[in-house]
Amino acid sequence: MNKTPTKALIARAISAVEAAGMTPGALVIRPDGSFSVEILQPSREPEETPRERNLPKKWGEKRAA
């Protein structure tokens, strides 16, 4: 007998993930009725890319060396 998780159970799991400061990505429900919430990993972008640093300065812009 397959037992499916209730909407309330899934909502509580997603709320717990969000309360922990993470972003839920996908919900995986297995044939036995168990489930897991996959977490999205935040993309890490550099604060300043080399391209931005090497662009010519704008009119009137002063840059530190």
PDB file of N, CA and C in Angstrom:
ATOM      1  N   MET A   1       0.840  -1.172   0.000  1.00  0.00           N
ATOM      2  CA  MET A   1       0.000   0.000   0.000  1.00  0.00           C
ATOM      3  C   MET A   1       0.893   1.245   0.000  1.00  0.00           C
ATOM      4  N   ASN A   2       0.727   2.085  -0.995  1.00  0.00           N
ATOM      5  CA  ASN A   2       1.498   3.320  -1.084  1.00  0.00           C
ATOM      6  C   ASN A   2       0.792   4.418  -0.305  1.00  0.00           C
ATOM      7  N   LYS A   3       1.541   5.071   0.534  1.00  0.00           N
ATOM      8  CA  LYS A   3       0.981   6.175   1.303  1.00  0.00           C
ATOM      9  C   LYS A   3       1.568   7.470   0.750  1.00  0.00           C
ATOM     10  N   THR A   4       0.719   8.371   0.323  1.00  0.00           N
ATOM     11  CA  THR A   4       1.204   9.640  -0.214  1.00  0.00           C
ATOM     12  C   THR A   4       1.222  10.675   0.893  1.00  0.00           C
ATOM     13  N   PRO A   5       2.206  11.545   0.895  1.00  0.00           N
ATOM     14  CA  PRO A   5       2.265  12.596   1.914  1.00  0.00           C
ATOM     15  C   PRO A   5       1.129  13.605   1.711  1.00  0.00           C
ATOM     16  N   THR A   6       0.633  14.127   2.796  1.00  0.00           N
ATOM     17  CA  THR A   6      -0.461  15.098   2.711  1.00  0.00           C
ATOM     18  C   THR A   6       0.087  16.471   2.310  1.00  0.00           C
ATOM     19  N   LYS A   7      -0.817  17.326   1.832  1.00  0.00           N
ATOM     20  CA  LYS A   7      -0.427  18.684   1.464  1.00  0.00           C
ATOM     21  C   LYS A   7       0.117  19.429   2.680  1.00  0.00           C
ATOM     22  N   ALA A   8      -0.471  19.199   3.835  1.00  0.00           N
ATOM     23  CA  ALA A   8      -0.025  19.872   5.059  1.00  0.00           C
ATOM     24  C   ALA A   8       1.392  19.442   5.433  1.00  0.00           C
ATOM     25  N   LEU A   9       1.692  18.168   5.298  1.00  0.00           N
ATOM     26  CA  LEU A   9       3.027  17.666   5.619  1.00  0.00           C
ATOM     27  C   LEU A   9       4.076  18.269   4.683  1.00  0.00           C
ATOM     28  N   ILE A  10       3.745  18.335   3.402  1.00  0.00           N
ATOM     29  CA  ILE A  10       4.660  18.921   2.431  1.00  0.00           C
ATOM     30  C   ILE A  10       4.836  20.412   2.704  1.00  0.00           C
ATOM     31  N   ALA A  11       3.742  21.113   2.997  1.00  0.00           N
ATOM     32  CA  ALA A  11       3.806  22.550   3.278  1.00  0.00           C
ATOM     33  C   ALA A  11       4.671  22.828   4.505  1.00  0.00           C
ATOM     34  N   ARG A  12       4.551  21.986   5.550  1.00  0.00           N
ATOM     35  CA  ARG A  12       5.376  22.165   6.746  1.00  0.00           C
ATOM     36  C   ARG A  12       6.851  21.947   6.449  1.00  0.00           C
ATOM     37  N   ALA A  13       7.148  20.969   5.606  1.00  0.00           N
ATOM     38  CA  ALA A  13       8.548  20.698   5.245  1.00  0.00           C
ATOM     39  C   ALA A  13       9.134  21.874   4.460  1.00  0.00           C
ATOM     40  N   ILE A  14       8.371  22.409   3.521  1.00  0.00           N
ATOM     41  CA  ILE A  14       8.843  23.548   2.731  1.00  0.00           C
ATOM     42  C   ILE A  14       8.990  24.772   3.616  1.00  0.00           C
ATOM     43  N   SER A  15       8.055  24.987   4.527  1.00  0.00           N
ATOM     44  CA  SER A  15       8.148  26.121   5.453  1.00  0.00           C
ATOM     45  C   SER A  15       9.384  26.009   6.342  1.00  0.00           C
ATOM     46  N   ALA A  16       9.712  24.799   6.757  1.00  0.00           N
ATOM     47  CA  ALA A  16      10.892  24.595   7.602  1.00  0.00           C
ATOM     48  C   ALA A  16      12.171  24.918   6.831  1.00  0.00           C
ATOM     49  N   VAL A  17      12.210  24.543   5.565  1.00  0.00           N
ATOM     50  CA  VAL A  17      13.373  24.846   4.725  1.00  0.00           C
ATOM     51  C   VAL A  17      13.515  26.364   4.590  1.00  0.00           C
ATOM     52  N   GLU A  18      12.411  27.050   4.316  1.00  0.00           N
ATOM     53  CA  GLU A  18      12.442  28.509   4.160  1.00  0.00           C
ATOM     54  C   GLU A  18      12.801  29.197   5.477  1.00  0.00           C
ATOM     55  N   ALA A  19      12.292  28.679   6.591  1.00  0.00           N
ATOM     56  CA  ALA A  19      12.598  29.262   7.903  1.00  0.00           C
ATOM     57  C   ALA A  19      14.081  29.140   8.236  1.00  0.00           C
ATOM     58  N   ALA A  20      14.733  28.128   7.673  1.00  0.00           N
ATOM     59  CA  ALA A  20      16.166  27.938   7.890  1.00  0.00           C
ATOM     60  C   ALA A  20      16.992  28.831   6.966  1.00  0.00           C
ATOM     61  N   GLY A  21      16.324  29.635   6.142  1.00  0.00           N
ATOM     62  CA  GLY A  21      17.030  30.557   5.266  1.00  0.00           C
ATOM     63  C   GLY A  21      17.482  29.949   3.955  1.00  0.00           C
ATOM     64  N   MET A  22      16.955  28.788   3.622  1.00  0.00           N
ATOM     65  CA  MET A  22      17.333  28.128   2.373  1.00  0.00           C
ATOM     66  C   MET A  22      16.188  28.247   1.370  1.00  0.00           C
ATOM     67  N   THR A  23      16.482  27.963   0.109  1.00  0.00           N
ATOM     68  CA  THR A  23      15.478  28.032  -0.944  1.00  0.00           C
ATOM     69  C   THR A  23      15.145  26.621  -1.410  1.00  0.00           C
ATOM     70  N   PRO A  24      13.871  26.211  -1.268  1.00  0.00           N
ATOM     71  CA  PRO A  24      13.495  24.885  -1.757  1.00  0.00           C
ATOM     72  C   PRO A  24      13.556  24.844  -3.279  1.00  0.00           C
ATOM     73  N   GLY A  25      14.078  23.745  -3.820  1.00  0.00           N
ATOM     74  CA  GLY A  25      14.213  23.643  -5.265  1.00  0.00           C
ATOM     75  C   GLY A  25      13.246  22.666  -5.879  1.00  0.00           C
ATOM     76  N   ALA A  26      13.212  21.461  -5.374  1.00  0.00           N
ATOM     77  CA  ALA A  26      12.345  20.427  -5.939  1.00  0.00           C
ATOM     78  C   ALA A  26      11.854  19.523  -4.822  1.00  0.00           C
ATOM     79  N   LEU A  27      10.699  18.957  -5.042  1.00  0.00           N
ATOM     80  CA  LEU A  27      10.121  18.004  -4.098  1.00  0.00           C
ATOM     81  C   LEU A  27      10.176  16.633  -4.747  1.00  0.00           C
ATOM     82  N   VAL A  28      10.801  15.690  -4.077  1.00  0.00           N
ATOM     83  CA  VAL A  28      10.942  14.335  -4.606  1.00  0.00           C
ATOM     84  C   VAL A  28      10.099  13.405  -3.747  1.00  0.00           C
ATOM     85  N   ILE A  29       9.112  12.748  -4.366  1.00  0.00           N
ATOM     86  CA  ILE A  29       8.260  11.788  -3.654  1.00  0.00           C
ATOM     87  C   ILE A  29       8.608  10.399  -4.175  1.00  0.00           C
ATOM     88  N   ARG A  30       8.998   9.531  -3.249  1.00  0.00           N
ATOM     89  CA  ARG A  30       9.402   8.177  -3.611  1.00  0.00           C
ATOM     90  C   ARG A  30       8.188   7.230  -3.596  1.00  0.00           C
ATOM     91  N   PRO A  31       8.316   6.069  -4.242  1.00  0.00           N
ATOM     92  CA  PRO A  31       7.195   5.120  -4.315  1.00  0.00           C
ATOM     93  C   PRO A  31       6.669   4.664  -2.948  1.00  0.00           C
ATOM     94  N   ASP A  32       7.541   4.654  -1.924  1.00  0.00           N
ATOM     95  CA  ASP A  32       7.091   4.204  -0.609  1.00  0.00           C
ATOM     96  C   ASP A  32       6.365   5.303   0.173  1.00  0.00           C
ATOM     97  N   GLY A  33       6.239   6.508  -0.426  1.00  0.00           N
ATOM     98  CA  GLY A  33       5.526   7.598   0.243  1.00  0.00           C
ATOM     99  C   GLY A  33       6.435   8.578   0.954  1.00  0.00           C
ATOM    100  N   SER A  34       7.711   8.239   1.089  1.00  0.00           N
ATOM    101  CA  SER A  34       8.630   9.186   1.712  1.00  0.00           C
ATOM    102  C   SER A  34       8.954  10.286   0.699  1.00  0.00           C
ATOM    103  N   PHE A  35       9.399  11.421   1.199  1.00  0.00           N
ATOM    104  CA  PHE A  35       9.723  12.509   0.293  1.00  0.00           C
ATOM    105  C   PHE A  35      10.884  13.310   0.842  1.00  0.00           C
ATOM    106  N   SER A  36      11.486  14.097  -0.029  1.00  0.00           N
ATOM    107  CA  SER A  36      12.563  14.995   0.375  1.00  0.00           C
ATOM    108  C   SER A  36      12.425  16.295  -0.404  1.00  0.00           C
ATOM    109  N   VAL A  37      12.934  17.358   0.196  1.00  0.00           N
ATOM    110  CA  VAL A  37      12.922  18.666  -0.436  1.00  0.00           C
ATOM    111  C   VAL A  37      14.362  18.979  -0.809  1.00  0.00           C
ATOM    112  N   GLU A  38      14.619  19.141  -2.106  1.00  0.00           N
ATOM    113  CA  GLU A  38      15.963  19.480  -2.553  1.00  0.00           C
ATOM    114  C   GLU A  38      16.173  20.981  -2.381  1.00  0.00           C
ATOM    115  N   ILE A  39      17.372  21.352  -1.996  1.00  0.00           N
ATOM    116  CA  ILE A  39      17.709  22.742  -1.710  1.00  0.00           C
ATOM    117  C   ILE A  39      18.496  23.320  -2.880  1.00  0.00           C
ATOM    118  N   LEU A  40      18.133  24.538  -3.297  1.00  0.00           N
ATOM    119  CA  LEU A  40      18.889  25.228  -4.339  1.00  0.00           C
ATOM    120  C   LEU A  40      20.132  25.844  -3.718  1.00  0.00           C
ATOM    121  N   GLN A  41      21.235  25.683  -4.391  1.00  0.00           N
ATOM    122  CA  GLN A  41      22.483  26.288  -3.937  1.00  0.00           C
ATOM    123  C   GLN A  41      22.576  27.677  -4.560  1.00  0.00           C
ATOM    124  N   PRO A  42      22.839  28.694  -3.748  1.00  0.00           N
ATOM    125  CA  PRO A  42      22.959  30.032  -4.326  1.00  0.00           C
ATOM    126  C   PRO A  42      24.200  30.125  -5.210  1.00  0.00           C
ATOM    127  N   SER A  43      24.056  30.848  -6.306  1.00  0.00           N
ATOM    128  CA  SER A  43      25.216  31.014  -7.180  1.00  0.00           C
ATOM    129  C   SER A  43      26.132  32.066  -6.575  1.00  0.00           C
ATOM    130  N   ARG A  44      27.391  31.790  -6.608  1.00  0.00           N
ATOM    131  CA  ARG A  44      28.366  32.728  -6.049  1.00  0.00           C
ATOM    132  C   ARG A  44      29.010  33.481  -7.197  1.00  0.00           C
ATOM    133  N   GLU A  45      28.710  34.759  -7.261  1.00  0.00           N
ATOM    134  CA  GLU A  45      29.297  35.591  -8.294  1.00  0.00           C
ATOM    135  C   GLU A  45      30.363  36.471  -7.652  1.00  0.00           C
ATOM    136  N   PRO A  46      31.465  36.665  -8.345  1.00  0.00           N
ATOM    137  CA  PRO A  46      32.488  37.538  -7.773  1.00  0.00           C
ATOM    138  C   PRO A  46      31.958  38.964  -7.653  1.00  0.00           C
ATOM    139  N   GLU A  47      32.428  39.677  -6.640  1.00  0.00           N
ATOM    140  CA  GLU A  47      31.960  41.036  -6.421  1.00  0.00           C
ATOM    141  C   GLU A  47      32.335  41.953  -7.575  1.00  0.00           C
ATOM    142  N   GLU A  48      33.518  41.777  -8.108  1.00  0.00           N
ATOM    143  CA  GLU A  48      33.965  42.578  -9.240  1.00  0.00           C
ATOM    144  C   GLU A  48      34.650  41.651 -10.220  1.00  0.00           C
ATOM    145  N   THR A  49      34.147  41.615 -11.429  1.00  0.00           N
ATOM    146  CA  THR A  49      34.749  40.749 -12.429  1.00  0.00           C
ATOM    147  C   THR A  49      35.953  41.447 -13.044  1.00  0.00           C
ATOM    148  N   PRO A  50      36.903  40.711 -13.568  1.00  0.00           N
ATOM    149  CA  PRO A  50      38.069  41.337 -14.193  1.00  0.00           C
ATOM    150  C   PRO A  50      37.675  42.267 -15.340  1.00  0.00           C
ATOM    151  N   ARG A  51      36.626  41.932 -16.060  1.00  0.00           N
ATOM    152  CA  ARG A  51      36.183  42.776 -17.176  1.00  0.00           C
ATOM    153  C   ARG A  51      35.788  44.161 -16.671  1.00  0.00           C
ATOM    154  N   GLU A  52      35.040  44.248 -15.585  1.00  0.00           N
ATOM    155  CA  GLU A  52      34.638  45.541 -15.043  1.00  0.00           C
ATOM    156  C   GLU A  52      35.857  46.345 -14.605  1.00  0.00           C
ATOM    157  N   ARG A  53      36.826  45.681 -14.049  1.00  0.00           N
ATOM    158  CA  ARG A  53      38.016  46.355 -13.538  1.00  0.00           C
ATOM    159  C   ARG A  53      38.865  46.908 -14.677  1.00  0.00           C
ATOM    160  N   ASN A  54      38.861  46.243 -15.840  1.00  0.00           N
ATOM    161  CA  ASN A  54      39.718  46.630 -16.948  1.00  0.00           C
ATOM    162  C   ASN A  54      39.054  47.576 -17.949  1.00  0.00           C
ATOM    163  N   LEU A  55      37.809  47.941 -17.745  1.00  0.00           N
ATOM    164  CA  LEU A  55      37.148  48.859 -18.662  1.00  0.00           C
ATOM    165  C   LEU A  55      37.739  50.257 -18.515  1.00  0.00           C
ATOM    166  N   PRO A  56      37.710  51.034 -19.594  1.00  0.00           N
ATOM    167  CA  PRO A  56      38.199  52.406 -19.474  1.00  0.00           C
ATOM    168  C   PRO A  56      37.284  53.208 -18.565  1.00  0.00           C
ATOM    169  N   LYS A  57      37.842  54.218 -17.916  1.00  0.00           N
ATOM    170  CA  LYS A  57      37.025  55.001 -16.988  1.00  0.00           C
ATOM    171  C   LYS A  57      36.056  55.869 -17.762  1.00  0.00           C
ATOM    172  N   LYS A  58      34.935  56.163 -17.129  1.00  0.00           N
ATOM    173  CA  LYS A  58      33.906  56.991 -17.736  1.00  0.00           C
ATOM    174  C   LYS A  58      34.304  58.463 -17.609  1.00  0.00           C
ATOM    175  N   TRP A  59      33.688  59.311 -18.412  1.00  0.00           N
ATOM    176  CA  TRP A  59      33.997  60.734 -18.411  1.00  0.00           C
ATOM    177  C   TRP A  59      33.800  61.297 -17.015  1.00  0.00           C
ATOM    178  N   GLY A  60      34.818  61.912 -16.468  1.00  0.00           N
ATOM    179  CA  GLY A  60      34.740  62.535 -15.156  1.00  0.00           C
ATOM    180  C   GLY A  60      34.919  61.580 -13.990  1.00  0.00           C
ATOM    181  N   GLU A  61      35.098  60.296 -14.267  1.00  0.00           N
ATOM    182  CA  GLU A  61      35.233  59.306 -13.207  1.00  0.00           C
ATOM    183  C   GLU A  61      36.674  59.248 -12.721  1.00  0.00           C
ATOM    184  N   LYS A  62      36.840  59.268 -11.415  1.00  0.00           N
ATOM    185  CA  LYS A  62      38.177  59.133 -10.843  1.00  0.00           C
ATOM    186  C   LYS A  62      38.303  57.729 -10.271  1.00  0.00           C
ATOM    187  N   ARG A  63      39.353  57.073 -10.616  1.00  0.00           N
ATOM    188  CA  ARG A  63      39.581  55.725 -10.107  1.00  0.00           C
ATOM    189  C   ARG A  63      40.882  55.690  -9.335  1.00  0.00           C
ATOM    190  N   ALA A  64      40.857  54.891  -8.296  1.00  0.00           N
ATOM    191  CA  ALA A  64      42.084  54.649  -7.537  1.00  0.00           C
ATOM    192  C   ALA A  64      42.933  53.658  -8.340  1.00  0.00           C
ATOM    193  N   ALA A  65      44.206  53.777  -8.210  1.00  0.00           N
ATOM    194  CA  ALA A  65      45.121  52.907  -8.986  1.00  0.00           C
ATOM    195  C   ALA A  65      45.052  51.508  -8.553  1.00  0.00           C
TER     196      ALA A  65
END
